[in-house]
N, C-alpha and C. Protein backbone atom coordinates (compact mmCIF):
# COMPACT_ATOMS: atom_id res chain seq x y z
N UNK A 1 0.85 -1.17 0.00
CA UNK A 1 0.00 0.00 0.00
C UNK A 1 0.90 1.23 0.00
N UNK A 2 0.67 2.10 -0.95
CA UNK A 2 1.53 3.27 -1.06
C UNK A 2 0.79 4.57 -0.79
N UNK A 3 -0.53 4.53 -0.68
CA UNK A 3 -1.32 5.74 -0.46
C UNK A 3 -2.24 5.57 0.74
N UNK A 4 -2.70 6.68 1.27
CA UNK A 4 -3.67 6.65 2.35
C UNK A 4 -4.97 6.04 1.83
N UNK A 5 -5.70 5.37 2.70
CA UNK A 5 -7.00 4.78 2.36
C UNK A 5 -8.07 5.60 3.05
N UNK A 6 -8.99 6.15 2.25
CA UNK A 6 -10.11 6.91 2.80
C UNK A 6 -11.28 5.95 2.97
N UNK A 7 -11.63 5.64 4.20
CA UNK A 7 -12.65 4.64 4.48
C UNK A 7 -14.03 5.07 3.99
N UNK A 8 -14.36 6.35 4.11
CA UNK A 8 -15.65 6.84 3.62
C UNK A 8 -15.75 6.66 2.11
N UNK A 9 -14.66 6.93 1.40
CA UNK A 9 -14.66 6.73 -0.06
C UNK A 9 -14.86 5.25 -0.39
N UNK A 10 -14.22 4.37 0.34
CA UNK A 10 -14.37 2.94 0.10
C UNK A 10 -15.81 2.48 0.36
N UNK A 11 -16.40 2.98 1.45
CA UNK A 11 -17.78 2.62 1.79
C UNK A 11 -18.78 3.13 0.74
N UNK A 12 -18.44 4.22 0.07
CA UNK A 12 -19.33 4.79 -0.95
C UNK A 12 -19.36 3.94 -2.22
N UNK A 13 -18.47 2.97 -2.35
CA UNK A 13 -18.38 2.16 -3.56
C UNK A 13 -19.36 0.98 -3.61
N UNK A 14 -20.08 0.73 -2.51
CA UNK A 14 -21.01 -0.40 -2.50
C UNK A 14 -22.20 -0.10 -1.60
N UNK A 15 -23.29 -0.85 -1.81
CA UNK A 15 -24.52 -0.64 -1.04
C UNK A 15 -24.94 -1.86 -0.22
N UNK A 16 -24.40 -3.02 -0.51
CA UNK A 16 -24.81 -4.26 0.16
C UNK A 16 -24.53 -4.21 1.66
N UNK A 17 -25.42 -4.85 2.41
CA UNK A 17 -25.25 -4.97 3.86
C UNK A 17 -24.68 -6.34 4.20
N UNK A 18 -23.88 -6.37 5.25
CA UNK A 18 -23.29 -7.61 5.78
C UNK A 18 -22.36 -8.28 4.78
N UNK A 19 -21.75 -7.49 3.89
CA UNK A 19 -20.83 -8.01 2.88
C UNK A 19 -19.51 -7.26 3.00
N UNK A 20 -18.63 -7.66 3.92
CA UNK A 20 -17.38 -6.93 4.16
C UNK A 20 -16.53 -6.79 2.90
N UNK A 21 -15.87 -5.64 2.79
CA UNK A 21 -14.97 -5.37 1.67
C UNK A 21 -13.58 -5.09 2.21
N UNK A 22 -12.60 -5.79 1.69
CA UNK A 22 -11.22 -5.59 2.11
C UNK A 22 -10.67 -4.27 1.62
N UNK A 23 -9.96 -3.57 2.51
CA UNK A 23 -9.32 -2.31 2.14
C UNK A 23 -7.81 -2.35 2.35
N UNK A 24 -7.34 -3.34 3.11
CA UNK A 24 -5.90 -3.47 3.37
C UNK A 24 -5.65 -4.82 4.04
N UNK A 25 -4.40 -5.17 4.13
CA UNK A 25 -4.00 -6.34 4.91
C UNK A 25 -2.69 -6.03 5.60
N UNK A 26 -2.49 -6.66 6.75
CA UNK A 26 -1.23 -6.50 7.47
C UNK A 26 -1.02 -7.69 8.39
N UNK A 27 0.21 -8.15 8.47
CA UNK A 27 0.57 -9.24 9.38
C UNK A 27 -0.42 -10.39 9.37
N UNK A 28 -0.87 -10.77 8.18
CA UNK A 28 -1.79 -11.89 8.07
C UNK A 28 -3.22 -11.59 8.46
N UNK A 29 -3.56 -10.31 8.55
CA UNK A 29 -4.92 -9.90 8.91
C UNK A 29 -5.55 -9.11 7.77
N UNK A 30 -6.87 -9.25 7.63
CA UNK A 30 -7.64 -8.45 6.68
C UNK A 30 -8.25 -7.27 7.42
N UNK A 31 -8.15 -6.08 6.82
CA UNK A 31 -8.81 -4.88 7.32
C UNK A 31 -9.97 -4.64 6.36
N UNK A 32 -11.18 -4.59 6.90
CA UNK A 32 -12.37 -4.50 6.05
C UNK A 32 -13.33 -3.43 6.54
N UNK A 33 -14.12 -2.91 5.60
CA UNK A 33 -15.24 -2.04 5.94
C UNK A 33 -16.51 -2.78 5.56
N UNK A 34 -17.59 -2.49 6.28
CA UNK A 34 -18.86 -3.16 6.01
C UNK A 34 -20.00 -2.22 6.40
N UNK A 35 -21.07 -2.30 5.62
CA UNK A 35 -22.31 -1.62 5.96
C UNK A 35 -23.24 -2.66 6.57
N UNK A 36 -23.90 -2.31 7.65
CA UNK A 36 -24.78 -3.26 8.33
C UNK A 36 -26.15 -2.64 8.56
N UNK A 37 -27.17 -3.48 8.53
CA UNK A 37 -28.53 -3.06 8.79
C UNK A 37 -29.33 -4.30 9.17
N UNK A 38 -30.08 -4.19 10.26
CA UNK A 38 -30.87 -5.32 10.72
C UNK A 38 -30.02 -6.30 11.51
N UNK A 39 -30.49 -7.52 11.58
CA UNK A 39 -29.83 -8.55 12.39
C UNK A 39 -28.96 -9.46 11.53
N UNK A 40 -27.77 -9.74 12.00
CA UNK A 40 -26.92 -10.74 11.37
C UNK A 40 -27.31 -12.10 11.95
N UNK A 41 -26.49 -13.07 11.84
CA UNK A 41 -26.79 -14.40 12.36
C UNK A 41 -26.02 -14.63 13.66
N UNK A 42 -26.60 -15.38 14.58
CA UNK A 42 -25.87 -15.78 15.77
C UNK A 42 -24.73 -16.69 15.32
N UNK A 43 -23.53 -16.41 15.80
CA UNK A 43 -22.37 -17.21 15.41
C UNK A 43 -21.24 -17.00 16.40
N UNK A 44 -20.20 -17.80 16.26
CA UNK A 44 -18.97 -17.62 17.04
C UNK A 44 -17.80 -18.00 16.16
N UNK A 45 -16.63 -17.64 16.61
CA UNK A 45 -15.39 -17.97 15.91
C UNK A 45 -14.53 -18.77 16.89
N UNK A 46 -14.32 -20.02 16.59
CA UNK A 46 -13.62 -20.91 17.52
C UNK A 46 -12.16 -20.55 17.72
N UNK A 47 -11.53 -19.97 16.69
CA UNK A 47 -10.09 -19.77 16.74
C UNK A 47 -9.63 -18.32 16.79
N UNK A 48 -10.56 -17.36 16.79
CA UNK A 48 -10.13 -15.96 16.75
C UNK A 48 -11.14 -15.04 17.44
N UNK A 49 -10.65 -13.96 17.98
CA UNK A 49 -11.51 -12.91 18.51
C UNK A 49 -12.16 -12.19 17.33
N UNK A 50 -13.21 -11.39 17.61
CA UNK A 50 -13.92 -10.65 16.57
C UNK A 50 -13.90 -9.17 16.94
N UNK A 51 -13.24 -8.35 16.12
CA UNK A 51 -13.02 -6.92 16.38
C UNK A 51 -14.03 -6.08 15.60
N UNK A 52 -14.73 -5.19 16.30
CA UNK A 52 -15.69 -4.27 15.69
C UNK A 52 -15.34 -2.84 16.09
N UNK A 53 -15.24 -1.93 15.12
CA UNK A 53 -15.07 -0.50 15.36
C UNK A 53 -16.15 0.21 14.56
N UNK A 54 -17.01 0.98 15.23
CA UNK A 54 -18.09 1.69 14.54
C UNK A 54 -17.55 3.00 13.99
N UNK A 55 -17.70 3.17 12.68
CA UNK A 55 -17.28 4.40 12.01
C UNK A 55 -18.43 5.40 11.92
N UNK A 56 -19.65 4.87 11.74
CA UNK A 56 -20.83 5.72 11.59
C UNK A 56 -22.03 4.95 12.10
N UNK A 57 -22.89 5.62 12.85
CA UNK A 57 -24.12 4.98 13.33
C UNK A 57 -23.94 4.31 14.67
N UNK A 58 -24.77 3.32 14.91
CA UNK A 58 -24.80 2.61 16.20
C UNK A 58 -25.16 1.15 15.94
N UNK A 59 -24.50 0.25 16.65
CA UNK A 59 -24.84 -1.17 16.57
C UNK A 59 -24.93 -1.77 17.96
N UNK A 60 -25.59 -2.88 18.02
CA UNK A 60 -25.61 -3.70 19.23
C UNK A 60 -24.86 -4.98 18.92
N UNK A 61 -24.03 -5.41 19.84
CA UNK A 61 -23.43 -6.73 19.78
C UNK A 61 -24.17 -7.54 20.85
N UNK A 62 -25.07 -8.38 20.40
CA UNK A 62 -25.86 -9.19 21.31
C UNK A 62 -25.04 -10.43 21.70
N UNK A 63 -24.91 -10.61 22.99
CA UNK A 63 -24.26 -11.79 23.55
C UNK A 63 -25.34 -12.56 24.29
N UNK A 64 -25.10 -13.79 24.64
CA UNK A 64 -26.13 -14.58 25.32
C UNK A 64 -26.47 -14.03 26.69
N UNK A 65 -25.53 -13.32 27.34
CA UNK A 65 -25.77 -12.83 28.70
C UNK A 65 -25.94 -11.31 28.81
N UNK A 66 -25.76 -10.58 27.69
CA UNK A 66 -25.88 -9.13 27.72
C UNK A 66 -25.80 -8.58 26.30
N UNK A 67 -26.04 -7.27 26.19
CA UNK A 67 -25.91 -6.58 24.90
C UNK A 67 -24.96 -5.41 25.09
N UNK A 68 -24.01 -5.28 24.16
CA UNK A 68 -23.06 -4.18 24.18
C UNK A 68 -23.46 -3.23 23.05
N UNK A 69 -23.74 -1.97 23.39
CA UNK A 69 -24.10 -0.96 22.40
C UNK A 69 -22.87 -0.14 22.05
N UNK A 70 -22.63 -0.01 20.75
CA UNK A 70 -21.47 0.74 20.26
C UNK A 70 -21.93 1.89 19.37
N UNK A 71 -21.35 3.06 19.59
CA UNK A 71 -21.62 4.23 18.77
C UNK A 71 -20.36 4.61 18.01
N UNK A 72 -20.48 5.54 17.08
CA UNK A 72 -19.34 5.97 16.26
C UNK A 72 -18.14 6.28 17.15
N UNK A 73 -17.00 5.71 16.79
CA UNK A 73 -15.77 5.91 17.54
C UNK A 73 -15.53 4.89 18.63
N UNK A 74 -16.49 3.97 18.84
CA UNK A 74 -16.34 2.95 19.88
C UNK A 74 -16.06 1.60 19.26
N UNK A 75 -15.34 0.77 20.01
CA UNK A 75 -14.98 -0.56 19.54
C UNK A 75 -15.26 -1.60 20.61
N UNK A 76 -15.32 -2.84 20.17
CA UNK A 76 -15.53 -3.96 21.08
C UNK A 76 -14.89 -5.19 20.46
N UNK A 77 -14.33 -6.03 21.31
CA UNK A 77 -13.74 -7.28 20.86
C UNK A 77 -14.53 -8.43 21.50
N UNK A 78 -15.12 -9.26 20.65
CA UNK A 78 -15.81 -10.46 21.12
C UNK A 78 -14.75 -11.55 21.25
N UNK A 79 -14.56 -12.12 22.43
CA UNK A 79 -13.55 -13.16 22.60
C UNK A 79 -13.87 -14.40 21.76
N UNK A 80 -12.82 -15.08 21.34
CA UNK A 80 -13.02 -16.29 20.54
C UNK A 80 -13.91 -17.26 21.29
N UNK A 81 -14.75 -17.95 20.51
CA UNK A 81 -15.65 -18.94 21.08
C UNK A 81 -16.93 -18.39 21.68
N UNK A 82 -17.08 -17.06 21.77
CA UNK A 82 -18.27 -16.47 22.37
C UNK A 82 -19.32 -16.21 21.28
N UNK A 83 -20.50 -16.78 21.47
CA UNK A 83 -21.57 -16.60 20.50
C UNK A 83 -22.09 -15.16 20.57
N UNK A 84 -22.30 -14.56 19.39
CA UNK A 84 -22.75 -13.18 19.33
C UNK A 84 -23.57 -12.95 18.06
N UNK A 85 -24.32 -11.84 18.09
CA UNK A 85 -25.20 -11.49 16.97
C UNK A 85 -25.21 -9.97 16.82
N UNK A 86 -24.50 -9.43 15.83
CA UNK A 86 -24.54 -7.98 15.60
C UNK A 86 -25.92 -7.56 15.07
N UNK A 87 -26.34 -6.36 15.46
CA UNK A 87 -27.64 -5.84 15.06
C UNK A 87 -27.57 -4.32 14.93
N UNK A 88 -28.18 -3.79 13.86
CA UNK A 88 -28.23 -2.34 13.66
C UNK A 88 -29.66 -1.92 13.30
N UNK A 89 -30.25 -1.03 14.10
CA UNK A 89 -31.61 -0.54 13.82
C UNK A 89 -31.64 0.30 12.55
N UNK A 90 -30.56 1.05 12.32
CA UNK A 90 -30.39 1.86 11.12
C UNK A 90 -29.02 1.53 10.54
N UNK A 91 -28.81 1.85 9.27
CA UNK A 91 -27.53 1.52 8.65
C UNK A 91 -26.37 2.09 9.45
N UNK A 92 -25.38 1.26 9.65
CA UNK A 92 -24.15 1.66 10.34
C UNK A 92 -22.97 1.19 9.50
N UNK A 93 -21.83 1.84 9.69
CA UNK A 93 -20.60 1.49 8.98
C UNK A 93 -19.56 1.07 9.99
N UNK A 94 -18.87 -0.04 9.70
CA UNK A 94 -17.91 -0.61 10.63
C UNK A 94 -16.57 -0.85 9.97
N UNK A 95 -15.54 -0.88 10.80
CA UNK A 95 -14.22 -1.36 10.41
C UNK A 95 -14.03 -2.68 11.15
N UNK A 96 -13.63 -3.70 10.41
CA UNK A 96 -13.38 -5.02 10.98
C UNK A 96 -11.94 -5.41 10.73
N UNK A 97 -11.33 -6.09 11.68
CA UNK A 97 -9.98 -6.64 11.49
C UNK A 97 -10.02 -8.09 11.94
N UNK A 98 -9.63 -8.99 11.02
CA UNK A 98 -9.67 -10.43 11.30
C UNK A 98 -8.47 -11.10 10.68
N UNK A 99 -8.05 -12.24 11.22
CA UNK A 99 -7.04 -13.02 10.51
C UNK A 99 -7.53 -13.31 9.09
N UNK A 100 -6.65 -13.25 8.13
CA UNK A 100 -7.02 -13.45 6.73
C UNK A 100 -7.84 -14.72 6.55
N UNK A 101 -8.94 -14.58 5.81
CA UNK A 101 -9.77 -15.74 5.49
C UNK A 101 -10.77 -16.16 6.54
N UNK A 102 -10.87 -15.44 7.65
CA UNK A 102 -11.83 -15.80 8.69
C UNK A 102 -13.25 -15.66 8.14
N UNK A 103 -14.08 -16.71 8.18
CA UNK A 103 -15.45 -16.59 7.67
C UNK A 103 -16.29 -15.71 8.60
N UNK A 104 -17.05 -14.77 8.01
CA UNK A 104 -17.78 -13.81 8.85
C UNK A 104 -18.89 -14.46 9.67
N UNK A 105 -19.34 -15.64 9.29
CA UNK A 105 -20.37 -16.33 10.07
C UNK A 105 -19.77 -17.39 11.00
N UNK A 106 -18.45 -17.53 10.95
CA UNK A 106 -17.80 -18.59 11.72
C UNK A 106 -17.83 -19.93 10.99
N UNK A 107 -18.52 -19.98 9.85
CA UNK A 107 -18.67 -21.21 9.09
C UNK A 107 -18.36 -20.93 7.62
N UNK A 108 -17.34 -21.54 7.05
CA UNK A 108 -16.98 -21.26 5.65
C UNK A 108 -18.12 -21.54 4.67
N UNK A 109 -19.02 -22.45 4.99
CA UNK A 109 -20.12 -22.79 4.08
C UNK A 109 -21.18 -21.70 3.98
N UNK A 110 -21.30 -20.85 5.01
CA UNK A 110 -22.34 -19.82 5.01
C UNK A 110 -21.77 -18.41 4.97
N UNK A 111 -20.47 -18.27 4.91
CA UNK A 111 -19.82 -16.95 4.97
C UNK A 111 -19.96 -16.18 3.67
N UNK A 112 -19.92 -14.86 3.79
CA UNK A 112 -19.90 -13.99 2.61
C UNK A 112 -18.58 -14.18 1.88
N UNK A 113 -18.63 -14.12 0.57
CA UNK A 113 -17.43 -14.20 -0.25
C UNK A 113 -16.63 -12.93 -0.03
N UNK A 114 -15.31 -13.08 0.22
CA UNK A 114 -14.46 -11.91 0.45
C UNK A 114 -14.27 -11.14 -0.85
N UNK A 115 -14.48 -9.84 -0.76
CA UNK A 115 -14.27 -8.93 -1.88
C UNK A 115 -13.44 -7.76 -1.40
N UNK A 116 -12.81 -7.08 -2.33
CA UNK A 116 -12.02 -5.89 -2.00
C UNK A 116 -12.60 -4.68 -2.73
N UNK A 117 -12.35 -3.51 -2.18
CA UNK A 117 -12.72 -2.25 -2.84
C UNK A 117 -11.50 -1.38 -2.98
């Protein structure tokens, strides 16, 4: 990568929800932006934590024992193996960082196909 990446510009390139787009990679990790709206699926990641940073809007990270509400500028890490369900009442924009190739549903058979912008 030789230039700065403008995340708002990258997010403007697509409209789909729950379909992360890669914007960079480092040390074996994918850096992605995603637009979210409504409820995702309950899932967990057996081998990795799940990092969420809200760029715009507000989301809930529903856990079996509580709900964590995140607003723009706030982040949360779901520990590996913990079942969770992201939810957004209105469209929100997120930055995600995961080990390369991590399926967004925790299951390669149901995960969104990785794309870049």
